[in-house]
Amino acid sequence: MNIRLPVSIYRFGVFLLVSMGLALSLLACSRNETSDAPKFKGIDITGAKYGKDFQLADTDERVRTLADFKGKAVMLYFGFVQCPDVCPTALTRAVEVKRLLGADGERLQVIFVTVDPERDTNDILKAYMAAFDPTFLALHGNADQTRSTAEHFKVYYKKVPTGSSYTMDHSALSYVFDPNGQLRLALRHEQSAQDYAHDIAQLLKKS
């Protein structure tokens, strides 16, 4: 026995099947895109509204911005030369990260921004970078520029008196920009060089 469906119901059925097929296709595409997305060990801050750029002088008094490092991943860290442990640990780890990246290590620019411009002169900063890696770059500004830059990156720092001198309290995240100059990662101080290298390699691979 043949049953003839009304044309309107038949057309609706065809439309429903096509729509379901399109929805499944879009879902499959979405899953593929998700599976291709980098899996970071650090904090993914892609799309952050802060940390868009900086404008500070290097040890040769040349003003630097992110545009100077296009094509490289940039790892930005705020600290000070007389820091007893956190800063030297961060920079020692950066040396290891560069080594772990192999040939891609040449595409990583490490930048150290001093939060103690009062004591960290050009000569001191230059010698401090050379003690870790001569390709590492130190940047500085005056008190207002330092404060403005730190606020733009949501970095905390504070002068703390110690007898006749002082030290600096400061946050210890490392920020990483991809080769297109987009802020992508905040890496925690307690993470390993392997974690850092893993995430930076993902950014370099996508560029």
Protein backbone atom coordinates (compact mmCIF):
# COMPACT_ATOMS: atom_id res chain seq x y z
CA MET A 1 0.00 0.00 0.00
CA ASN A 2 1.53 3.30 -1.09
CA ILE A 3 0.98 6.35 1.11
CA ARG A 4 1.41 9.72 -0.52
CA LEU A 5 2.52 12.49 1.85
CA PRO A 6 1.26 16.02 1.23
CA VAL A 7 3.84 18.07 -0.66
CA SER A 8 4.17 20.53 2.25
CA ILE A 9 5.07 17.76 4.74
CA TYR A 10 7.52 16.22 2.26
CA ARG A 11 9.24 19.53 1.71
CA PHE A 12 9.41 20.15 5.46
CA GLY A 13 11.00 16.74 5.93
CA VAL A 14 13.64 17.48 3.31
CA PHE A 15 14.29 20.89 4.89
CA LEU A 16 14.67 19.27 8.34
CA LEU A 17 17.16 16.69 7.07
CA VAL A 18 19.22 19.35 5.29
CA SER A 19 19.19 21.55 8.39
CA MET A 20 20.30 18.66 10.62
CA GLY A 21 23.06 17.80 8.19
CA LEU A 22 24.28 21.40 8.16
CA ALA A 23 24.16 21.57 11.96
CA LEU A 24 26.20 18.36 12.26
CA SER A 25 28.70 19.67 9.73
CA LEU A 26 29.11 22.90 11.68
CA LEU A 27 29.50 20.94 14.91
CA ALA A 28 32.21 18.79 13.32
CA CYS A 29 34.02 21.90 12.10
CA SER A 30 33.75 23.44 15.55
CA ARG A 31 35.23 20.31 17.12
CA ASN A 32 38.08 20.32 14.63
CA GLU A 33 38.83 23.96 15.34
CA THR A 34 38.77 23.28 19.08
CA SER A 35 41.06 20.28 18.75
CA ASP A 36 43.51 22.40 16.75
CA ALA A 37 43.62 25.13 19.40
CA PRO A 38 46.85 25.28 21.43
CA LYS A 39 46.74 23.56 24.82
CA PHE A 40 48.63 25.84 27.17
CA LYS A 41 50.09 24.98 30.55
CA GLY A 42 50.08 28.66 31.55
CA ILE A 43 47.17 31.09 31.77
CA ASP A 44 45.62 31.80 28.37
CA ILE A 45 44.86 35.54 28.29
CA THR A 46 44.26 35.80 24.55
CA GLY A 47 42.05 38.83 23.91
CA ALA A 48 42.99 40.62 27.13
CA LYS A 49 42.16 44.31 27.11
CA TYR A 50 45.39 45.21 28.89
CA GLY A 51 49.07 44.82 28.01
CA LYS A 52 48.68 46.09 24.47
CA ASP A 53 52.13 47.69 24.18
CA PHE A 54 54.94 49.43 26.01
CA GLN A 55 57.20 52.38 25.27
CA LEU A 56 60.42 52.27 27.31
CA ALA A 57 64.12 52.89 26.71
CA ASP A 58 66.74 50.17 26.43
CA THR A 59 70.25 50.46 27.90
CA ASP A 60 71.35 52.47 24.86
CA GLU A 61 68.48 54.91 25.45
CA ARG A 62 66.67 53.75 22.34
CA VAL A 63 62.90 53.78 22.86
CA ARG A 64 61.43 50.32 22.27
CA THR A 65 57.90 49.15 21.52
CA LEU A 66 56.38 45.80 20.60
CA ALA A 67 56.63 46.65 16.91
CA ASP A 68 60.42 46.26 17.18
CA PHE A 69 60.01 42.53 17.79
CA LYS A 70 57.46 41.53 15.15
CA GLY A 71 58.06 37.95 14.05
CA LYS A 72 59.33 36.91 17.48
CA ALA A 73 57.65 35.67 20.62
CA VAL A 74 58.29 38.18 23.40
CA MET A 75 58.53 37.16 27.06
CA LEU A 76 58.17 40.20 29.32
CA TYR A 77 59.12 40.17 32.99
CA PHE A 78 59.07 42.95 35.60
CA GLY A 79 61.73 42.91 38.30
CA PHE A 80 64.83 44.65 39.68
CA VAL A 81 68.55 43.94 39.76
CA GLN A 82 68.95 43.70 43.54
CA CYS A 83 66.14 41.14 43.77
CA PRO A 84 67.66 38.33 45.87
CA ASP A 85 65.98 35.25 44.39
CA VAL A 86 62.78 35.60 42.32
CA CYS A 87 64.29 37.65 39.47
CA PRO A 88 67.51 35.63 39.07
CA THR A 89 65.38 32.48 39.10
CA ALA A 90 63.10 33.89 36.40
CA LEU A 91 66.03 34.88 34.19
CA THR A 92 67.86 31.59 34.72
CA ARG A 93 64.67 29.81 33.69
CA ALA A 94 64.44 32.04 30.60
CA VAL A 95 67.94 30.90 29.59
CA GLU A 96 66.79 27.28 29.87
CA VAL A 97 63.58 28.01 27.95
CA LYS A 98 65.59 29.42 25.08
CA ARG A 99 67.80 26.31 25.08
CA LEU A 100 64.80 23.97 25.14
CA LEU A 101 63.31 25.72 22.10
CA GLY A 102 66.34 24.71 20.04
CA ALA A 103 66.57 26.60 16.76
CA ASP A 104 63.34 28.42 17.62
CA GLY A 105 65.13 29.96 20.59
CA GLU A 106 66.38 32.62 18.18
CA ARG A 107 62.76 33.67 17.73
CA LEU A 108 62.29 34.39 21.44
CA GLN A 109 63.03 37.84 22.80
CA VAL A 110 63.28 38.05 26.59
CA ILE A 111 62.64 41.54 28.00
CA PHE A 112 63.29 42.58 31.58
CA VAL A 113 61.52 45.75 32.75
CA THR A 114 62.96 47.25 35.91
CA VAL A 115 60.59 48.44 38.61
CA ASP A 116 63.55 50.11 40.35
CA PRO A 117 64.75 52.77 37.88
CA GLU A 118 66.19 54.78 40.78
CA ARG A 119 69.02 52.26 41.23
CA ASP A 120 68.99 50.24 37.98
CA THR A 121 71.11 52.40 35.70
CA ASN A 122 71.91 51.54 32.09
CA ASP A 123 75.33 50.12 32.97
CA ILE A 124 73.94 48.00 35.79
CA LEU A 125 71.08 46.67 33.64
CA LYS A 126 73.41 45.90 30.75
CA ALA A 127 75.79 43.93 32.99
CA TYR A 128 72.86 42.12 34.61
CA MET A 129 71.48 40.95 31.27
CA ALA A 130 74.92 39.88 30.08
CA ALA A 131 75.24 37.68 33.16
CA PHE A 132 72.34 35.59 31.85
CA ASP A 133 72.20 36.01 28.07
CA PRO A 134 73.52 38.97 26.03
CA THR A 135 70.44 38.80 23.78
CA PHE A 136 68.13 39.54 26.72
CA LEU A 137 66.97 43.13 26.72
CA ALA A 138 66.49 45.39 29.74
CA LEU A 139 64.09 48.34 29.55
CA HIS A 140 63.54 51.25 31.91
CA GLY A 141 61.58 54.46 32.29
CA ASN A 142 61.32 57.25 34.79
CA ALA A 143 59.12 56.81 37.87
CA ASP A 144 55.93 57.87 36.06
CA GLN A 145 56.63 55.75 32.98
CA THR A 146 57.41 52.73 35.15
CA ARG A 147 54.19 53.15 37.12
CA SER A 148 52.10 53.64 33.98
CA THR A 149 53.58 50.60 32.26
CA ALA A 150 53.15 48.40 35.32
CA GLU A 151 49.54 49.47 35.69
CA HIS A 152 48.92 48.75 32.01
CA PHE A 153 50.13 45.17 32.57
CA LYS A 154 48.39 44.83 35.95
CA VAL A 155 51.78 44.41 37.63
CA TYR A 156 52.11 45.13 41.33
CA TYR A 157 55.28 46.63 42.84
CA LYS A 158 56.06 48.57 45.97
CA LYS A 159 59.17 50.00 47.61
CA VAL A 160 59.76 48.44 51.04
CA PRO A 161 62.23 50.10 53.46
CA THR A 162 64.96 47.84 54.86
CA GLY A 163 67.13 49.66 57.38
CA SER A 164 69.01 52.41 55.57
CA SER A 165 68.02 51.08 52.12
CA TYR A 166 64.99 49.44 50.54
CA THR A 167 63.86 46.44 48.53
CA MET A 168 60.97 45.99 46.11
CA ASP A 169 57.92 43.78 46.43
CA HIS A 170 56.56 42.86 43.01
CA SER A 171 54.41 40.35 41.19
CA ALA A 172 56.23 37.60 39.32
CA LEU A 173 54.20 36.64 36.25
CA SER A 174 55.92 36.43 32.87
CA TYR A 175 53.84 37.73 29.97
CA VAL A 176 54.21 36.25 26.49
CA PHE A 177 53.28 37.87 23.19
CA ASP A 178 52.95 35.87 19.98
CA PRO A 179 54.99 36.82 16.87
CA ASN A 180 52.12 39.08 15.73
CA GLY A 181 52.43 41.20 18.87
CA GLN A 182 49.29 39.87 20.59
CA LEU A 183 49.36 39.22 24.34
CA ARG A 184 48.59 35.51 24.76
CA LEU A 185 49.94 34.10 28.01
CA ALA A 186 50.65 34.79 31.65
CA LEU A 187 53.12 32.21 32.93
CA ARG A 188 53.38 31.61 36.66
CA HIS A 189 56.65 31.81 38.56
CA GLU A 190 56.24 28.30 39.98
CA GLN A 191 56.02 26.72 36.52
CA SER A 192 59.00 24.91 35.04
CA ALA A 193 61.16 25.86 32.07
CA GLN A 194 59.59 22.88 30.27
CA ASP A 195 56.11 24.35 30.78
CA TYR A 196 57.26 27.73 29.48
CA ALA A 197 58.98 26.20 26.45
CA HIS A 198 55.93 24.05 25.67
CA ASP A 199 53.61 27.07 25.53
CA ILE A 200 55.99 29.34 23.63
CA ALA A 201 56.63 26.59 21.08
CA GLN A 202 52.86 26.45 20.46
CA LEU A 203 52.81 30.18 19.70
CA LEU A 204 55.81 29.93 17.38
CA LYS A 205 54.30 26.95 15.58
CA LYS A 206 51.10 28.86 14.84
CA SER A 207 52.91 31.88 13.38
